[in-house]
Amino acid sequence: MNTKHETCDKLAEVIAAFPMETAQNGSLVEKRPYGNGHINDTFLLRCETPEKLEKKFILQRMNHSIFKNPPQLMENVVHVTQYLRKIILAQGGDPDRETLNVLQTRDGANWYLDNNHNYWRVFPFIERSVCLEKVENEKDFYDSAVTFGNFQKQLADFPVAVLHETIPNFHNTASRFADFQKAVSEGSKERLALAQAEIAFALERKEDTAVLTKLLAEGALPLRVTHNDTKLNNILFDADTHKALCIIDLDTVMPGLSLYDFGDSIRFGANTGAEDETDLSKVGLDLSLFEAFTKGYLEGCAGSLTAKEIELLPMGAKLMTYECGIRFLADYLTGDHYFKTHREHHNLDRARTQFRLVADMEAKWDKMAAIVEQYKDSFYMI
């Protein structure tokens, strides 16, 4: 795949396919790479009218190496954003700022396929918004929890069967464990030797891997619309009020469990150390942040979760952290082909960090459960 700078010089065909340069939007005056995402190639396009008014757009080339069927992905995005737009309007909100909106091509399509078989899409830029790369304080984490919980509530009645799986078995921990076992059988001898302790840690928790999928199959947990990548930096905040505005990066929106979204947020935001911290004494679960997110998530969901879902919130946090750890470890054992690395044994460091966090969750299990118990009755459960 070309670099962003190389691609930036070849955008004329793509830009011409979308109605950005119009009497209303003005003429294109700037195009440049934008953001720090690692999956899609993203560009900011700036148009200017004769009256010096600006209109901006986000142009993205979708990574079809990871997302094998971009048209299906875009069907999901359009279904969900159009549904959210109606909900937000009914609630008296501003759908131009509170959800992403897909700009159609001049031919009325939701994406464009260029002459090199690359898939592109455009979103109007949400002005006066900022993205936070890490949790700075409890309030930010609490606000993100309310936002992700509200996303779950707004989509509680969405017909989930119309959505495609953009990445099959993305948060199926049992399936991820099978991939990990295959990596152990095929991994390099040198790396297998270095990762013996981590491999043993992962194998000891095999029985946990099918807990959630088994309950889903039995009907004890409902299938929902889930974001599946609920990191803090996938929320836009209002630059003026610092209020959470809009959830972005909807590529992994698909059928799933609410526990996936809750758990991934805890994994990312309530860790006292960095995701690739080499000093494991710095890694653990911040119970204050866990409490802030639990309270905010239940508040945002506002009664849309079942009692069983709420009971299993700690398990969601543990399994999403464990799953991420075995994915890092499997990639390390087989040569670092999926996750980008920046130093030798980087993915092994990442796996060790995730497993250290899992171990700390297990040590604090009763406290996590008590926090959930404390807040579960504050919000009506279905």
Protein backbone atom coordinates (compact mmCIF):
# COMPACT_ATOMS: atom_id res chain seq x y z
CA MET A 1 0.00 0.00 0.00
CA ASN A 2 1.25 3.49 -0.80
CA THR A 3 2.19 5.95 1.89
CA LYS A 4 -0.22 8.75 2.71
CA HIS A 5 2.04 11.31 1.05
CA GLU A 6 2.27 9.28 -2.16
CA THR A 7 -1.50 8.82 -2.20
CA CYS A 8 -2.12 12.50 -1.54
CA ASP A 9 -0.72 13.32 -4.97
CA LYS A 10 -3.14 10.92 -6.70
CA LEU A 11 -6.47 12.07 -5.29
CA ALA A 12 -7.88 14.03 -8.23
CA GLU A 13 -9.95 11.12 -9.56
CA VAL A 14 -11.38 10.37 -6.12
CA ILE A 15 -12.14 13.97 -5.19
CA ALA A 16 -13.95 14.49 -8.48
CA ALA A 17 -16.30 11.62 -7.60
CA PHE A 18 -17.71 13.42 -4.54
CA PRO A 19 -19.72 16.69 -4.58
CA MET A 20 -17.38 18.67 -2.38
CA GLU A 21 -16.52 21.41 -4.84
CA THR A 22 -19.93 23.03 -5.31
CA ALA A 23 -21.47 26.48 -5.13
CA GLN A 24 -22.41 25.77 -1.53
CA ASN A 25 -19.07 24.30 -0.43
CA GLY A 26 -16.70 26.38 -2.54
CA SER A 27 -13.51 25.25 -4.25
CA LEU A 28 -10.88 22.87 -2.91
CA VAL A 29 -7.90 24.83 -1.61
CA GLU A 30 -6.07 22.23 0.50
CA LYS A 31 -5.64 18.48 0.82
CA ARG A 32 -3.31 16.88 3.33
CA PRO A 33 -2.83 13.70 5.38
CA TYR A 34 -4.71 13.88 8.66
CA GLY A 35 -4.66 12.14 12.03
CA ASN A 36 -2.56 9.25 13.34
CA GLY A 37 -4.69 6.21 12.50
CA HIS A 38 -2.89 2.99 11.54
CA ILE A 39 -5.58 1.23 9.50
CA ASN A 40 -7.09 3.58 6.89
CA ASP A 41 -5.40 6.40 4.95
CA THR A 42 -7.05 9.65 6.03
CA PHE A 43 -6.97 13.11 4.45
CA LEU A 44 -8.40 16.49 5.35
CA LEU A 45 -9.90 18.43 2.44
CA ARG A 46 -10.60 22.13 2.83
CA CYS A 47 -12.86 24.07 0.51
CA GLU A 48 -13.32 27.85 0.46
CA THR A 49 -16.18 29.94 -0.91
CA PRO A 50 -15.73 33.36 -2.57
CA GLU A 51 -16.96 34.83 0.72
CA LYS A 52 -13.99 33.13 2.47
CA LEU A 53 -16.23 30.65 4.28
CA GLU A 54 -14.70 27.23 4.86
CA LYS A 55 -16.10 23.74 4.50
CA LYS A 56 -13.99 20.72 5.45
CA PHE A 57 -14.29 17.02 4.72
CA ILE A 58 -12.58 13.82 5.83
CA LEU A 59 -11.58 11.55 2.95
CA GLN A 60 -10.52 7.99 3.73
CA ARG A 61 -9.16 5.10 1.75
CA MET A 62 -10.48 1.97 3.47
CA ASN A 63 -7.97 -0.76 4.20
CA HIS A 64 -9.34 -3.74 2.30
CA SER A 65 -6.52 -5.96 3.56
CA ILE A 66 -8.11 -5.89 7.01
CA PHE A 67 -11.71 -5.19 5.98
CA LYS A 68 -12.24 -7.69 3.19
CA ASN A 69 -15.59 -6.34 2.04
CA PRO A 70 -15.69 -2.51 2.14
CA PRO A 71 -19.17 -2.31 0.53
CA GLN A 72 -20.62 -4.38 3.38
CA LEU A 73 -18.69 -2.27 5.89
CA MET A 74 -20.20 0.87 4.42
CA GLU A 75 -23.69 -0.66 4.50
CA ASN A 76 -23.22 -1.06 8.26
CA VAL A 77 -21.97 2.50 8.69
CA VAL A 78 -24.84 3.98 6.68
CA HIS A 79 -27.51 1.87 8.41
CA VAL A 80 -26.26 2.86 11.86
CA THR A 81 -25.59 6.55 11.19
CA GLN A 82 -28.94 7.10 9.47
CA TYR A 83 -30.70 5.40 12.37
CA LEU A 84 -28.77 7.50 14.89
CA ARG A 85 -29.59 10.64 12.94
CA LYS A 86 -33.32 9.99 13.37
CA ILE A 87 -32.90 9.25 17.09
CA ILE A 88 -30.82 12.39 17.66
CA LEU A 89 -33.33 14.57 15.80
CA ALA A 90 -36.19 13.11 17.84
CA GLN A 91 -34.27 13.93 21.02
CA GLY A 92 -33.72 17.53 19.92
CA GLY A 93 -30.01 17.09 19.29
CA ASP A 94 -27.76 18.13 16.40
CA PRO A 95 -27.18 15.13 14.09
CA ASP A 96 -24.56 17.03 12.10
CA ARG A 97 -22.34 17.06 15.21
CA GLU A 98 -23.52 14.08 17.25
CA THR A 99 -23.03 11.36 14.65
CA LEU A 100 -20.92 10.80 11.56
CA ASN A 101 -22.69 11.44 8.25
CA VAL A 102 -21.69 9.78 4.99
CA LEU A 103 -21.35 12.03 1.93
CA GLN A 104 -22.59 10.23 -1.15
CA THR A 105 -20.78 10.32 -4.49
CA ARG A 106 -22.15 12.34 -7.40
CA ASP A 107 -23.71 9.07 -8.55
CA GLY A 108 -25.51 8.54 -5.24
CA ALA A 109 -23.24 5.79 -3.88
CA ASN A 110 -21.88 5.67 -0.34
CA TRP A 111 -18.34 4.83 -1.43
CA TYR A 112 -16.13 5.13 -4.51
CA LEU A 113 -14.00 2.45 -6.17
CA ASP A 114 -11.01 3.97 -8.00
CA ASN A 115 -9.12 2.67 -11.02
CA ASN A 116 -6.65 0.89 -8.74
CA HIS A 117 -9.44 -0.98 -6.93
CA ASN A 118 -9.19 1.10 -3.75
CA TYR A 119 -12.35 1.97 -1.82
CA TRP A 120 -12.92 5.55 -0.64
CA ARG A 121 -15.47 7.38 1.50
CA VAL A 122 -16.09 10.95 2.68
CA PHE A 123 -17.51 12.39 5.90
CA PRO A 124 -18.25 16.08 6.49
CA PHE A 125 -15.71 17.34 9.03
CA ILE A 126 -17.10 18.04 12.52
CA GLU A 127 -15.81 21.50 13.37
CA ARG A 128 -14.67 22.62 16.81
CA SER A 129 -14.03 19.08 17.97
CA VAL A 130 -11.01 17.45 19.59
CA CYS A 131 -9.85 13.89 20.22
CA LEU A 132 -8.19 12.74 23.47
CA GLU A 133 -5.45 10.15 23.06
CA LYS A 134 -5.39 9.01 26.69
CA VAL A 135 -7.36 9.28 29.91
CA GLU A 136 -6.28 12.44 31.70
CA ASN A 137 -8.76 12.34 34.58
CA GLU A 138 -11.81 10.51 35.91
CA LYS A 139 -14.24 13.02 34.39
CA ASP A 140 -13.03 12.39 30.84
CA PHE A 141 -13.31 8.64 31.36
CA TYR A 142 -16.75 8.99 32.95
CA ASP A 143 -17.93 11.18 30.04
CA SER A 144 -16.66 8.62 27.54
CA ALA A 145 -18.56 5.91 29.43
CA VAL A 146 -21.81 7.87 29.29
CA THR A 147 -21.26 8.38 25.56
CA PHE A 148 -20.61 4.72 24.79
CA GLY A 149 -23.51 3.71 27.03
CA ASN A 150 -25.81 6.17 25.27
CA PHE A 151 -24.68 4.72 21.93
CA GLN A 152 -25.83 1.33 23.21
CA LYS A 153 -29.15 2.77 24.41
CA GLN A 154 -29.83 4.65 21.15
CA LEU A 155 -29.31 1.44 19.19
CA ALA A 156 -31.14 -0.88 21.60
CA ASP A 157 -34.05 -1.34 19.16
CA PHE A 158 -31.95 -1.36 15.98
CA PRO A 159 -32.57 -4.47 13.81
CA VAL A 160 -29.16 -6.02 14.42
CA ALA A 161 -29.76 -8.78 11.85
CA VAL A 162 -29.26 -6.31 8.98
CA LEU A 163 -25.61 -5.75 9.94
CA HIS A 164 -22.67 -7.66 8.47
CA GLU A 165 -19.69 -9.02 10.39
CA THR A 166 -16.95 -6.77 9.04
CA ILE A 167 -14.28 -8.95 10.67
CA PRO A 168 -15.61 -12.46 11.43
CA ASN A 169 -15.14 -13.59 15.05
CA PHE A 170 -13.55 -10.27 15.94
CA HIS A 171 -14.34 -10.57 19.66
CA ASN A 172 -15.01 -14.31 19.75
CA THR A 173 -12.46 -15.12 22.45
CA ALA A 174 -12.73 -18.87 21.94
CA SER A 175 -11.94 -18.43 18.25
CA ARG A 176 -9.04 -16.11 19.11
CA PHE A 177 -7.76 -18.78 21.50
CA ALA A 178 -7.80 -21.35 18.68
CA ASP A 179 -5.75 -18.91 16.57
CA PHE A 180 -3.34 -18.57 19.50
CA GLN A 181 -2.97 -22.34 19.81
CA LYS A 182 -2.17 -22.54 16.10
CA ALA A 183 0.48 -19.83 16.57
CA VAL A 184 2.03 -21.85 19.39
CA SER A 185 2.25 -24.89 17.12
CA GLU A 186 3.78 -22.89 14.27
CA GLY A 187 5.85 -20.27 16.09
CA SER A 188 9.62 -19.92 15.88
CA LYS A 189 11.58 -21.95 18.43
CA GLU A 190 13.46 -18.89 19.63
CA ARG A 191 10.30 -16.90 20.30
CA LEU A 192 8.51 -19.86 21.83
CA ALA A 193 11.38 -20.21 24.30
CA LEU A 194 11.22 -16.52 25.25
CA ALA A 195 7.46 -16.61 25.76
CA GLN A 196 7.04 -19.78 27.83
CA ALA A 197 5.65 -17.96 30.89
CA GLU A 198 3.14 -16.00 28.78
CA ILE A 199 2.06 -19.11 26.87
CA ALA A 200 1.45 -20.93 30.16
CA PHE A 201 -0.56 -17.97 31.51
CA ALA A 202 -2.79 -17.99 28.43
CA LEU A 203 -3.31 -21.76 28.45
CA GLU A 204 -4.29 -21.77 32.13
CA ARG A 205 -7.32 -19.59 31.31
CA LYS A 206 -8.67 -21.61 28.39
CA GLU A 207 -11.94 -22.36 30.20
CA ASP A 208 -12.77 -18.64 30.39
CA THR A 209 -12.61 -18.11 26.65
CA ALA A 210 -16.06 -19.50 25.77
CA VAL A 211 -17.99 -18.05 28.73
CA LEU A 212 -19.66 -15.19 26.83
CA THR A 213 -20.20 -16.90 23.49
CA LYS A 214 -21.78 -19.88 25.28
CA LEU A 215 -24.24 -17.60 27.09
CA LEU A 216 -25.03 -15.86 23.80
CA ALA A 217 -25.74 -19.20 22.12
CA GLU A 218 -28.00 -20.19 25.03
CA GLY A 219 -29.94 -16.92 24.76
CA ALA A 220 -28.82 -15.72 28.18
CA LEU A 221 -27.15 -12.66 26.63
CA PRO A 222 -28.74 -10.56 23.86
CA LEU A 223 -27.03 -9.86 20.54
CA ARG A 224 -26.64 -6.10 20.15
CA VAL A 225 -25.13 -3.46 17.90
CA THR A 226 -21.63 -2.94 19.26
CA HIS A 227 -18.80 -0.59 18.35
CA ASN A 228 -16.06 -3.11 19.22
CA ASP A 229 -13.24 -0.57 19.49
CA THR A 230 -14.33 1.64 22.38
CA LYS A 231 -11.12 3.51 23.09
CA LEU A 232 -11.27 7.07 24.39
CA ASN A 233 -9.73 8.37 21.16
CA ASN A 234 -12.75 7.14 19.21
CA ILE A 235 -14.88 9.90 20.73
CA LEU A 236 -14.88 13.52 19.57
CA PHE A 237 -15.22 16.13 22.32
CA ASP A 238 -16.53 19.66 21.83
CA ALA A 239 -13.49 21.96 21.76
CA ASP A 240 -15.35 24.72 23.60
CA THR A 241 -17.36 22.87 26.26
CA HIS A 242 -15.25 19.68 26.46
CA LYS A 243 -18.51 17.73 26.31
CA ALA A 244 -18.44 14.37 24.53
CA LEU A 245 -20.00 14.84 21.11
CA CYS A 246 -19.74 11.98 18.70
CA ILE A 247 -18.46 8.41 18.39
CA ILE A 248 -16.19 7.87 15.39
CA ASP A 249 -14.32 4.99 13.71
CA LEU A 250 -17.39 2.89 12.96
CA ASP A 251 -15.61 0.30 10.82
CA THR A 252 -16.05 -2.43 13.42
CA VAL A 253 -19.71 -1.67 14.20
CA MET A 254 -21.43 -5.04 13.88
CA PRO A 255 -23.44 -7.59 15.87
CA GLY A 256 -21.84 -8.34 19.24
CA LEU A 257 -22.17 -8.15 23.02
CA SER A 258 -22.40 -5.03 25.15
CA LEU A 259 -19.70 -6.61 27.32
CA TYR A 260 -17.23 -6.27 24.45
CA ASP A 261 -17.62 -2.50 24.41
CA PHE A 262 -17.49 -2.13 28.18
CA GLY A 263 -14.51 -4.46 28.49
CA ASP A 264 -12.41 -2.90 25.77
CA SER A 265 -12.86 0.55 27.31
CA ILE A 266 -11.64 -0.72 30.69
CA ARG A 267 -8.70 -2.49 29.08
CA PHE A 268 -7.63 0.68 27.33
CA GLY A 269 -8.53 3.37 29.84
CA ALA A 270 -8.29 1.92 33.36
CA ASN A 271 -4.79 0.49 33.01
CA THR A 272 -2.28 2.31 35.22
CA GLY A 273 0.47 1.69 32.65
CA ALA A 274 0.96 2.06 28.92
CA GLU A 275 -0.19 -0.72 26.61
CA ASP A 276 3.44 -1.66 25.91
CA GLU A 277 4.95 -0.81 29.32
CA THR A 278 8.08 -2.87 30.01
CA ASP A 279 8.08 -2.19 33.75
CA LEU A 280 5.20 -4.40 34.82
CA SER A 281 5.21 -2.95 38.33
CA LYS A 282 3.52 0.08 36.75
CA VAL A 283 0.68 -1.98 35.29
CA GLY A 284 -2.59 -2.64 37.06
CA LEU A 285 -6.30 -1.88 37.22
CA ASP A 286 -7.16 1.59 38.52
CA LEU A 287 -10.28 0.86 40.58
CA SER A 288 -11.24 4.55 40.70
CA LEU A 289 -11.31 4.66 36.91
CA PHE A 290 -13.13 1.32 36.78
CA GLU A 291 -15.77 2.78 39.09
CA ALA A 292 -16.05 6.01 37.09
CA PHE A 293 -16.55 4.10 33.84
CA THR A 294 -18.99 1.61 35.34
CA LYS A 295 -21.15 4.41 36.75
CA GLY A 296 -21.05 6.36 33.49
CA TYR A 297 -21.72 3.36 31.26
CA LEU A 298 -24.76 2.27 33.26
CA GLU A 299 -26.00 5.85 33.30
CA GLY A 300 -25.63 6.12 29.53
CA CYS A 301 -27.29 2.76 28.92
CA ALA A 302 -30.17 3.98 31.13
CA GLY A 303 -31.95 0.68 31.57
CA SER A 304 -31.21 -0.86 28.17
CA LEU A 305 -29.03 -3.65 29.64
CA THR A 306 -30.26 -6.88 31.21
CA ALA A 307 -29.39 -7.90 34.76
CA LYS A 308 -27.13 -10.66 33.36
CA GLU A 309 -25.20 -8.20 31.21
CA ILE A 310 -24.59 -5.97 34.21
CA GLU A 311 -23.53 -8.90 36.39
CA LEU A 312 -20.92 -9.91 33.80
CA LEU A 313 -19.30 -6.49 33.32
CA PRO A 314 -16.13 -7.57 35.19
CA MET A 315 -15.89 -10.66 32.98
CA GLY A 316 -16.19 -8.45 29.92
CA ALA A 317 -13.23 -6.39 31.15
CA LYS A 318 -11.14 -9.47 31.90
CA LEU A 319 -11.89 -11.30 28.65
CA MET A 320 -11.29 -8.32 26.38
CA THR A 321 -7.92 -7.76 28.07
CA TYR A 322 -7.03 -11.45 27.92
CA GLU A 323 -8.12 -11.64 24.27
CA CYS A 324 -5.95 -8.68 23.33
CA GLY A 325 -3.04 -10.33 25.12
CA ILE A 326 -3.32 -13.61 23.22
CA ARG A 327 -3.62 -11.70 19.96
CA PHE A 328 -0.39 -9.80 20.70
CA LEU A 329 1.29 -13.05 21.75
CA ALA A 330 0.12 -15.00 18.69
CA ASP A 331 1.40 -12.24 16.40
CA TYR A 332 4.74 -12.24 18.20
CA LEU A 333 5.14 -16.00 17.89
CA THR A 334 4.45 -15.96 14.15
CA GLY A 335 6.64 -12.99 13.18
CA ASP A 336 4.76 -9.74 13.91
CA HIS A 337 2.63 -9.66 10.76
CA TYR A 338 -0.51 -7.94 12.06
CA PHE A 339 0.35 -5.36 14.70
CA LYS A 340 2.93 -2.73 13.82
CA THR A 341 6.01 -2.93 16.03
CA HIS A 342 8.63 -0.30 16.85
CA ARG A 343 11.23 -2.36 18.67
CA GLU A 344 12.40 -5.93 19.10
CA HIS A 345 9.94 -8.10 21.08
CA HIS A 346 7.38 -5.25 21.06
CA ASN A 347 4.40 -7.57 20.76
CA LEU A 348 5.72 -9.76 23.57
CA ASP A 349 5.92 -6.66 25.77
CA ARG A 350 2.35 -5.83 24.84
CA ALA A 351 1.18 -9.34 25.69
CA ARG A 352 2.94 -9.23 29.05
CA THR A 353 1.23 -5.93 29.86
CA GLN A 354 -2.21 -7.31 29.04
CA PHE A 355 -1.63 -10.44 31.08
CA ARG A 356 -0.38 -8.41 34.03
CA LEU A 357 -3.60 -6.40 33.86
CA VAL A 358 -5.65 -9.63 33.72
CA ALA A 359 -3.85 -10.92 36.80
CA ASP A 360 -4.54 -7.68 38.67
CA MET A 361 -8.21 -7.86 37.71
CA GLU A 362 -8.35 -11.37 39.13
CA ALA A 363 -6.77 -10.12 42.35
CA LYS A 364 -9.35 -7.30 42.56
CA TRP A 365 -12.31 -9.36 41.37
CA ASP A 366 -14.40 -8.97 44.50
CA LYS A 367 -13.87 -5.21 44.48
CA MET A 368 -14.86 -4.98 40.82
CA ALA A 369 -18.01 -6.99 41.51
CA ALA A 370 -18.85 -4.79 44.50
CA ILE A 371 -18.58 -1.66 42.36
CA VAL A 372 -20.95 -3.12 39.78
CA GLU A 373 -23.33 -4.15 42.57
CA GLN A 374 -23.19 -0.63 44.00
CA TYR A 375 -24.39 1.01 40.79
CA LYS A 376 -26.61 -1.64 39.20
CA ASP A 377 -29.72 -0.63 41.16
CA SER A 378 -29.25 3.05 40.33
CA PHE A 379 -30.49 2.39 36.79
CA TYR A 380 -33.54 0.42 35.78
CA MET A 381 -32.67 -2.95 34.25
CA ILE A 382 -34.81 -4.71 31.69
